[in-house]
Amino acid sequence: MARLASAPVAIPFDPAKASSHQRVEYLHALWHADIDPFVFVGVAHRLGYSLRCYWDVRADMPVLTPLVLH
């Protein structure tokens, strides 16, 4: 399950065999667990989603945005 940013994040199921609904539920659980946003983006990439995370200096917080692949 979710770990600190310095430790690996374990995915409790095989992403290749998981349905899209299971993947989204897992990402929701991680988001609500309040893990590091950069770790969240790494897990999302492993699950097949394209996100990026950057630090918004004005808001003093991380921002997640979807990547649009052409």
PDB file of N, CA and C in Angstrom:
ATOM      1  N   MET A   1       0.833  -1.159   0.000  1.00  0.00           N
ATOM      2  CA  MET A   1       0.000   0.000   0.000  1.00  0.00           C
ATOM      3  C   MET A   1       0.894   1.245   0.000  1.00  0.00           C
ATOM      4  N   ALA A   2       0.364   2.389   0.256  1.00  0.00           N
ATOM      5  CA  ALA A   2       1.110   3.638   0.142  1.00  0.00           C
ATOM      6  C   ALA A   2       2.216   3.716   1.183  1.00  0.00           C
ATOM      7  N   ARG A   3       3.343   4.256   0.772  1.00  0.00           N
ATOM      8  CA  ARG A   3       4.488   4.454   1.642  1.00  0.00           C
ATOM      9  C   ARG A   3       4.964   5.894   1.505  1.00  0.00           C
ATOM     10  N   LEU A   4       5.938   6.264   2.309  1.00  0.00           N
ATOM     11  CA  LEU A   4       6.527   7.593   2.198  1.00  0.00           C
ATOM     12  C   LEU A   4       7.234   7.726   0.862  1.00  0.00           C
ATOM     13  N   ALA A   5       7.534   8.953   0.468  1.00  0.00           N
ATOM     14  CA  ALA A   5       8.157   9.198  -0.832  1.00  0.00           C
ATOM     15  C   ALA A   5       9.509   8.505  -0.946  1.00  0.00           C
ATOM     16  N   SER A   6      10.196   8.297   0.171  1.00  0.00           N
ATOM     17  CA  SER A   6      11.510   7.663   0.130  1.00  0.00           C
ATOM     18  C   SER A   6      11.421   6.147  -0.022  1.00  0.00           C
ATOM     19  N   ALA A   7      10.254   5.584   0.210  1.00  0.00           N
ATOM     20  CA  ALA A   7      10.077   4.134   0.106  1.00  0.00           C
ATOM     21  C   ALA A   7       9.253   3.810  -1.138  1.00  0.00           C
ATOM     22  N   PRO A   8       9.421   2.609  -1.683  1.00  0.00           N
ATOM     23  CA  PRO A   8       8.624   2.245  -2.862  1.00  0.00           C
ATOM     24  C   PRO A   8       7.142   2.107  -2.522  1.00  0.00           C
ATOM     25  N   VAL A   9       6.315   2.366  -3.505  1.00  0.00           N
ATOM     26  CA  VAL A   9       4.873   2.190  -3.340  1.00  0.00           C
ATOM     27  C   VAL A   9       4.510   0.831  -3.919  1.00  0.00           C
ATOM     28  N   ALA A  10       3.842   0.024  -3.130  1.00  0.00           N
ATOM     29  CA  ALA A  10       3.451  -1.306  -3.578  1.00  0.00           C
ATOM     30  C   ALA A  10       2.069  -1.248  -4.212  1.00  0.00           C
ATOM     31  N   ILE A  11       1.936  -1.852  -5.364  1.00  0.00           N
ATOM     32  CA  ILE A  11       0.630  -1.972  -6.010  1.00  0.00           C
ATOM     33  C   ILE A  11       0.120  -3.366  -5.671  1.00  0.00           C
ATOM     34  N   PRO A  12      -1.009  -3.470  -4.960  1.00  0.00           N
ATOM     35  CA  PRO A  12      -1.465  -4.763  -4.463  1.00  0.00           C
ATOM     36  C   PRO A  12      -2.123  -5.667  -5.510  1.00  0.00           C
ATOM     37  N   PHE A  13      -2.033  -5.304  -6.762  1.00  0.00           N
ATOM     38  CA  PHE A  13      -2.614  -6.126  -7.817  1.00  0.00           C
ATOM     39  C   PHE A  13      -1.798  -5.924  -9.078  1.00  0.00           C
ATOM     40  N   ASP A  14      -1.982  -6.806 -10.032  1.00  0.00           N
ATOM     41  CA  ASP A  14      -1.284  -6.706 -11.307  1.00  0.00           C
ATOM     42  C   ASP A  14      -2.018  -5.691 -12.186  1.00  0.00           C
ATOM     43  N   PRO A  15      -1.396  -4.544 -12.476  1.00  0.00           N
ATOM     44  CA  PRO A  15      -2.077  -3.522 -13.280  1.00  0.00           C
ATOM     45  C   PRO A  15      -2.534  -4.030 -14.648  1.00  0.00           C
ATOM     46  N   ALA A  16      -1.800  -4.987 -15.208  1.00  0.00           N
ATOM     47  CA  ALA A  16      -2.173  -5.498 -16.526  1.00  0.00           C
ATOM     48  C   ALA A  16      -3.486  -6.271 -16.473  1.00  0.00           C
ATOM     49  N   LYS A  17      -3.805  -6.839 -15.312  1.00  0.00           N
ATOM     50  CA  LYS A  17      -5.024  -7.626 -15.175  1.00  0.00           C
ATOM     51  C   LYS A  17      -6.164  -6.844 -14.526  1.00  0.00           C
ATOM     52  N   ALA A  18      -5.889  -5.656 -14.030  1.00  0.00           N
ATOM     53  CA  ALA A  18      -6.902  -4.859 -13.333  1.00  0.00           C
ATOM     54  C   ALA A  18      -7.792  -4.131 -14.337  1.00  0.00           C
ATOM     55  N   SER A  19      -9.052  -4.022 -13.990  1.00  0.00           N
ATOM     56  CA  SER A  19      -9.973  -3.265 -14.832  1.00  0.00           C
ATOM     57  C   SER A  19      -9.711  -1.771 -14.639  1.00  0.00           C
ATOM     58  N   SER A  20     -10.198  -0.969 -15.537  1.00  0.00           N
ATOM     59  CA  SER A  20     -10.014   0.479 -15.403  1.00  0.00           C
ATOM     60  C   SER A  20     -10.689   0.992 -14.136  1.00  0.00           C
ATOM     61  N   HIS A  21     -11.814   0.367 -13.765  1.00  0.00           N
ATOM     62  CA  HIS A  21     -12.510   0.750 -12.531  1.00  0.00           C
ATOM     63  C   HIS A  21     -11.627   0.480 -11.305  1.00  0.00           C
ATOM     64  N   GLN A  22     -10.944  -0.669 -11.264  1.00  0.00           N
ATOM     65  CA  GLN A  22     -10.055  -0.998 -10.149  1.00  0.00           C
ATOM     66  C   GLN A  22      -8.886  -0.022 -10.081  1.00  0.00           C
ATOM     67  N   ARG A  23      -8.349   0.339 -11.240  1.00  0.00           N
ATOM     68  CA  ARG A  23      -7.225   1.286 -11.269  1.00  0.00           C
ATOM     69  C   ARG A  23      -7.644   2.640 -10.710  1.00  0.00           C
ATOM     70  N   VAL A  24      -8.805   3.125 -11.139  1.00  0.00           N
ATOM     71  CA  VAL A  24      -9.291   4.420 -10.670  1.00  0.00           C
ATOM     72  C   VAL A  24      -9.580   4.377  -9.173  1.00  0.00           C
ATOM     73  N   GLU A  25     -10.181   3.295  -8.695  1.00  0.00           N
ATOM     74  CA  GLU A  25     -10.442   3.164  -7.261  1.00  0.00           C
ATOM     75  C   GLU A  25      -9.149   3.175  -6.457  1.00  0.00           C
ATOM     76  N   TYR A  26      -8.126   2.494  -6.967  1.00  0.00           N
ATOM     77  CA  TYR A  26      -6.837   2.467  -6.280  1.00  0.00           C
ATOM     78  C   TYR A  26      -6.232   3.865  -6.233  1.00  0.00           C
ATOM     79  N   LEU A  27      -6.293   4.597  -7.336  1.00  0.00           N
ATOM     80  CA  LEU A  27      -5.764   5.967  -7.352  1.00  0.00           C
ATOM     81  C   LEU A  27      -6.548   6.866  -6.402  1.00  0.00           C
ATOM     82  N   HIS A  28      -7.856   6.691  -6.317  1.00  0.00           N
ATOM     83  CA  HIS A  28      -8.657   7.472  -5.360  1.00  0.00           C
ATOM     84  C   HIS A  28      -8.216   7.172  -3.933  1.00  0.00           C
ATOM     85  N   ALA A  29      -7.991   5.897  -3.636  1.00  0.00           N
ATOM     86  CA  ALA A  29      -7.556   5.509  -2.284  1.00  0.00           C
ATOM     87  C   ALA A  29      -6.201   6.132  -1.959  1.00  0.00           C
ATOM     88  N   LEU A  30      -5.286   6.116  -2.924  1.00  0.00           N
ATOM     89  CA  LEU A  30      -3.972   6.737  -2.699  1.00  0.00           C
ATOM     90  C   LEU A  30      -4.102   8.236  -2.488  1.00  0.00           C
ATOM     91  N   TRP A  31      -4.929   8.880  -3.301  1.00  0.00           N
ATOM     92  CA  TRP A  31      -5.098  10.330  -3.189  1.00  0.00           C
ATOM     93  C   TRP A  31      -5.644  10.694  -1.814  1.00  0.00           C
ATOM     94  N   HIS A  32      -6.633   9.940  -1.354  1.00  0.00           N
ATOM     95  CA  HIS A  32      -7.224  10.217  -0.046  1.00  0.00           C
ATOM     96  C   HIS A  32      -6.300   9.822   1.100  1.00  0.00           C
ATOM     97  N   ALA A  33      -5.298   8.984   0.827  1.00  0.00           N
ATOM     98  CA  ALA A  33      -4.305   8.621   1.837  1.00  0.00           C
ATOM     99  C   ALA A  33      -3.273   9.729   1.998  1.00  0.00           C
ATOM    100  N   ASP A  34      -3.357  10.742   1.145  1.00  0.00           N
ATOM    101  CA  ASP A  34      -2.498  11.926   1.233  1.00  0.00           C
ATOM    102  C   ASP A  34      -1.020  11.588   1.058  1.00  0.00           C
ATOM    103  N   ILE A  35      -0.712  10.794  -0.003  1.00  0.00           N
ATOM    104  CA  ILE A  35       0.684  10.497  -0.281  1.00  0.00           C
ATOM    105  C   ILE A  35       1.304  11.650  -1.051  1.00  0.00           C
ATOM    106  N   ASP A  36       2.601  11.633  -1.174  1.00  0.00           N
ATOM    107  CA  ASP A  36       3.343  12.648  -1.917  1.00  0.00           C
ATOM    108  C   ASP A  36       2.814  12.698  -3.354  1.00  0.00           C
ATOM    109  N   PRO A  37       2.490  13.884  -3.870  1.00  0.00           N
ATOM    110  CA  PRO A  37       1.935  13.982  -5.225  1.00  0.00           C
ATOM    111  C   PRO A  37       2.856  13.425  -6.305  1.00  0.00           C
ATOM    112  N   PHE A  38       4.166  13.547  -6.120  1.00  0.00           N
ATOM    113  CA  PHE A  38       5.097  13.027  -7.115  1.00  0.00           C
ATOM    114  C   PHE A  38       5.094  11.493  -7.112  1.00  0.00           C
ATOM    115  N   VAL A  39       4.913  10.884  -5.955  1.00  0.00           N
ATOM    116  CA  VAL A  39       4.766   9.433  -5.862  1.00  0.00           C
ATOM    117  C   VAL A  39       3.457   9.018  -6.526  1.00  0.00           C
ATOM    118  N   PHE A  40       2.396   9.784  -6.285  1.00  0.00           N
ATOM    119  CA  PHE A  40       1.096   9.511  -6.890  1.00  0.00           C
ATOM    120  C   PHE A  40       1.216   9.496  -8.416  1.00  0.00           C
ATOM    121  N   VAL A  41       1.918  10.464  -8.974  1.00  0.00           N
ATOM    122  CA  VAL A  41       2.090  10.532 -10.431  1.00  0.00           C
ATOM    123  C   VAL A  41       2.850   9.303 -10.926  1.00  0.00           C
ATOM    124  N   GLY A  42       3.861   8.861 -10.180  1.00  0.00           N
ATOM    125  CA  GLY A  42       4.606   7.665 -10.562  1.00  0.00           C
ATOM    126  C   GLY A  42       3.719   6.433 -10.590  1.00  0.00           C
ATOM    127  N   VAL A  43       2.863   6.292  -9.594  1.00  0.00           N
ATOM    128  CA  VAL A  43       1.935   5.159  -9.553  1.00  0.00           C
ATOM    129  C   VAL A  43       0.936   5.261 -10.710  1.00  0.00           C
ATOM    130  N   ALA A  44       0.430   6.461 -10.957  1.00  0.00           N
ATOM    131  CA  ALA A  44      -0.511   6.656 -12.063  1.00  0.00           C
ATOM    132  C   ALA A  44       0.133   6.255 -13.391  1.00  0.00           C
ATOM    133  N   HIS A  45       1.403   6.594 -13.579  1.00  0.00           N
ATOM    134  CA  HIS A  45       2.105   6.202 -14.804  1.00  0.00           C
ATOM    135  C   HIS A  45       2.177   4.687 -14.910  1.00  0.00           C
ATOM    136  N   ARG A  46       2.473   4.016 -13.799  1.00  0.00           N
ATOM    137  CA  ARG A  46       2.562   2.553 -13.803  1.00  0.00           C
ATOM    138  C   ARG A  46       1.212   1.912 -14.091  1.00  0.00           C
ATOM    139  N   LEU A  47       0.142   2.623 -13.791  1.00  0.00           N
ATOM    140  CA  LEU A  47      -1.206   2.116 -14.061  1.00  0.00           C
ATOM    141  C   LEU A  47      -1.712   2.505 -15.444  1.00  0.00           C
ATOM    142  N   GLY A  48      -0.910   3.247 -16.204  1.00  0.00           N
ATOM    143  CA  GLY A  48      -1.269   3.578 -17.573  1.00  0.00           C
ATOM    144  C   GLY A  48      -1.875   4.951 -17.780  1.00  0.00           C
ATOM    145  N   TYR A  49      -1.818   5.817 -16.764  1.00  0.00           N
ATOM    146  CA  TYR A  49      -2.362   7.173 -16.896  1.00  0.00           C
ATOM    147  C   TYR A  49      -1.229   8.167 -17.104  1.00  0.00           C
ATOM    148  N   SER A  50      -1.508   9.231 -17.815  1.00  0.00           N
ATOM    149  CA  SER A  50      -0.504  10.244 -18.102  1.00  0.00           C
ATOM    150  C   SER A  50      -0.809  11.518 -17.324  1.00  0.00           C
ATOM    151  N   LEU A  51      -0.025  11.744 -16.287  1.00  0.00           N
ATOM    152  CA  LEU A  51      -0.148  12.946 -15.455  1.00  0.00           C
ATOM    153  C   LEU A  51       1.223  13.571 -15.303  1.00  0.00           C
ATOM    154  N   ARG A  52       1.222  14.825 -14.958  1.00  0.00           N
ATOM    155  CA  ARG A  52       2.472  15.447 -14.551  1.00  0.00           C
ATOM    156  C   ARG A  52       2.183  16.247 -13.295  1.00  0.00           C
ATOM    157  N   CYS A  53       3.219  16.482 -12.530  1.00  0.00           N
ATOM    158  CA  CYS A  53       3.079  17.206 -11.282  1.00  0.00           C
ATOM    159  C   CYS A  53       4.132  18.306 -11.266  1.00  0.00           C
ATOM    160  N   TYR A  54       3.723  19.500 -10.914  1.00  0.00           N
ATOM    161  CA  TYR A  54       4.693  20.584 -10.771  1.00  0.00           C
ATOM    162  C   TYR A  54       4.300  21.421  -9.569  1.00  0.00           C
ATOM    163  N   TRP A  55       5.255  22.179  -9.084  1.00  0.00           N
ATOM    164  CA  TRP A  55       5.036  23.015  -7.906  1.00  0.00           C
ATOM    165  C   TRP A  55       4.572  24.396  -8.339  1.00  0.00           C
ATOM    166  N   ASP A  56       3.392  24.806  -7.871  1.00  0.00           N
ATOM    167  CA  ASP A  56       2.865  26.141  -8.141  1.00  0.00           C
ATOM    168  C   ASP A  56       3.381  27.071  -7.047  1.00  0.00           C
ATOM    169  N   VAL A  57       4.298  27.956  -7.414  1.00  0.00           N
ATOM    170  CA  VAL A  57       4.945  28.837  -6.440  1.00  0.00           C
ATOM    171  C   VAL A  57       3.934  29.795  -5.822  1.00  0.00           C
ATOM    172  N   ARG A  58       3.041  30.330  -6.618  1.00  0.00           N
ATOM    173  CA  ARG A  58       2.050  31.288  -6.091  1.00  0.00           C
ATOM    174  C   ARG A  58       1.111  30.642  -5.073  1.00  0.00           C
ATOM    175  N   ALA A  59       0.650  29.436  -5.368  1.00  0.00           N
ATOM    176  CA  ALA A  59      -0.273  28.745  -4.466  1.00  0.00           C
ATOM    177  C   ALA A  59       0.474  27.979  -3.370  1.00  0.00           C
ATOM    178  N   ASP A  60       1.788  27.812  -3.542  1.00  0.00           N
ATOM    179  CA  ASP A  60       2.628  27.075  -2.601  1.00  0.00           C
ATOM    180  C   ASP A  60       2.104  25.651  -2.390  1.00  0.00           C
ATOM    181  N   MET A  61       1.813  24.981  -3.522  1.00  0.00           N
ATOM    182  CA  MET A  61       1.323  23.613  -3.450  1.00  0.00           C
ATOM    183  C   MET A  61       1.563  22.909  -4.788  1.00  0.00           C
ATOM    184  N   PRO A  62       1.567  21.590  -4.776  1.00  0.00           N
ATOM    185  CA  PRO A  62       1.725  20.858  -6.036  1.00  0.00           C
ATOM    186  C   PRO A  62       0.438  20.892  -6.854  1.00  0.00           C
ATOM    187  N   VAL A  63       0.606  20.818  -8.170  1.00  0.00           N
ATOM    188  CA  VAL A  63      -0.530  20.808  -9.092  1.00  0.00           C
ATOM    189  C   VAL A  63      -0.383  19.595 -10.000  1.00  0.00           C
ATOM    190  N   LEU A  64      -1.454  18.845 -10.142  1.00  0.00           N
ATOM    191  CA  LEU A  64      -1.486  17.713 -11.054  1.00  0.00           C
ATOM    192  C   LEU A  64      -2.230  18.119 -12.320  1.00  0.00           C
ATOM    193  N   THR A  65      -1.675  17.764 -13.468  1.00  0.00           N
ATOM    194  CA  THR A  65      -2.354  18.049 -14.727  1.00  0.00           C
ATOM    195  C   THR A  65      -2.252  16.810 -15.629  1.00  0.00           C
ATOM    196  N   PRO A  66      -3.301  16.545 -16.397  1.00  0.00           N
ATOM    197  CA  PRO A  66      -3.219  15.418 -17.336  1.00  0.00           C
ATOM    198  C   PRO A  66      -2.331  15.786 -18.521  1.00  0.00           C
ATOM    199  N   LEU A  67      -1.618  14.821 -19.039  1.00  0.00           N
ATOM    200  CA  LEU A  67      -0.821  15.027 -20.250  1.00  0.00           C
ATOM    201  C   LEU A  67      -1.683  14.624 -21.439  1.00  0.00           C
ATOM    202  N   VAL A  68      -1.741  15.469 -22.419  1.00  0.00           N
ATOM    203  CA  VAL A  68      -2.513  15.173 -23.620  1.00  0.00           C
ATOM    204  C   VAL A  68      -1.516  14.679 -24.662  1.00  0.00           C
ATOM    205  N   LEU A  69      -1.671  13.427 -25.046  1.00  0.00           N
ATOM    206  CA  LEU A  69      -0.786  12.823 -26.028  1.00  0.00           C
ATOM    207  C   LEU A  69      -1.438  12.896 -27.390  1.00  0.00           C
ATOM    208  N   HIS A  70      -0.724  13.439 -28.350  1.00  0.00           N
ATOM    209  CA  HIS A  70      -1.256  13.581 -29.710  1.00  0.00           C
ATOM    210  C   HIS A  70      -0.779  12.464 -30.568  1.00  0.00           C
TER     211      HIS A  70
END
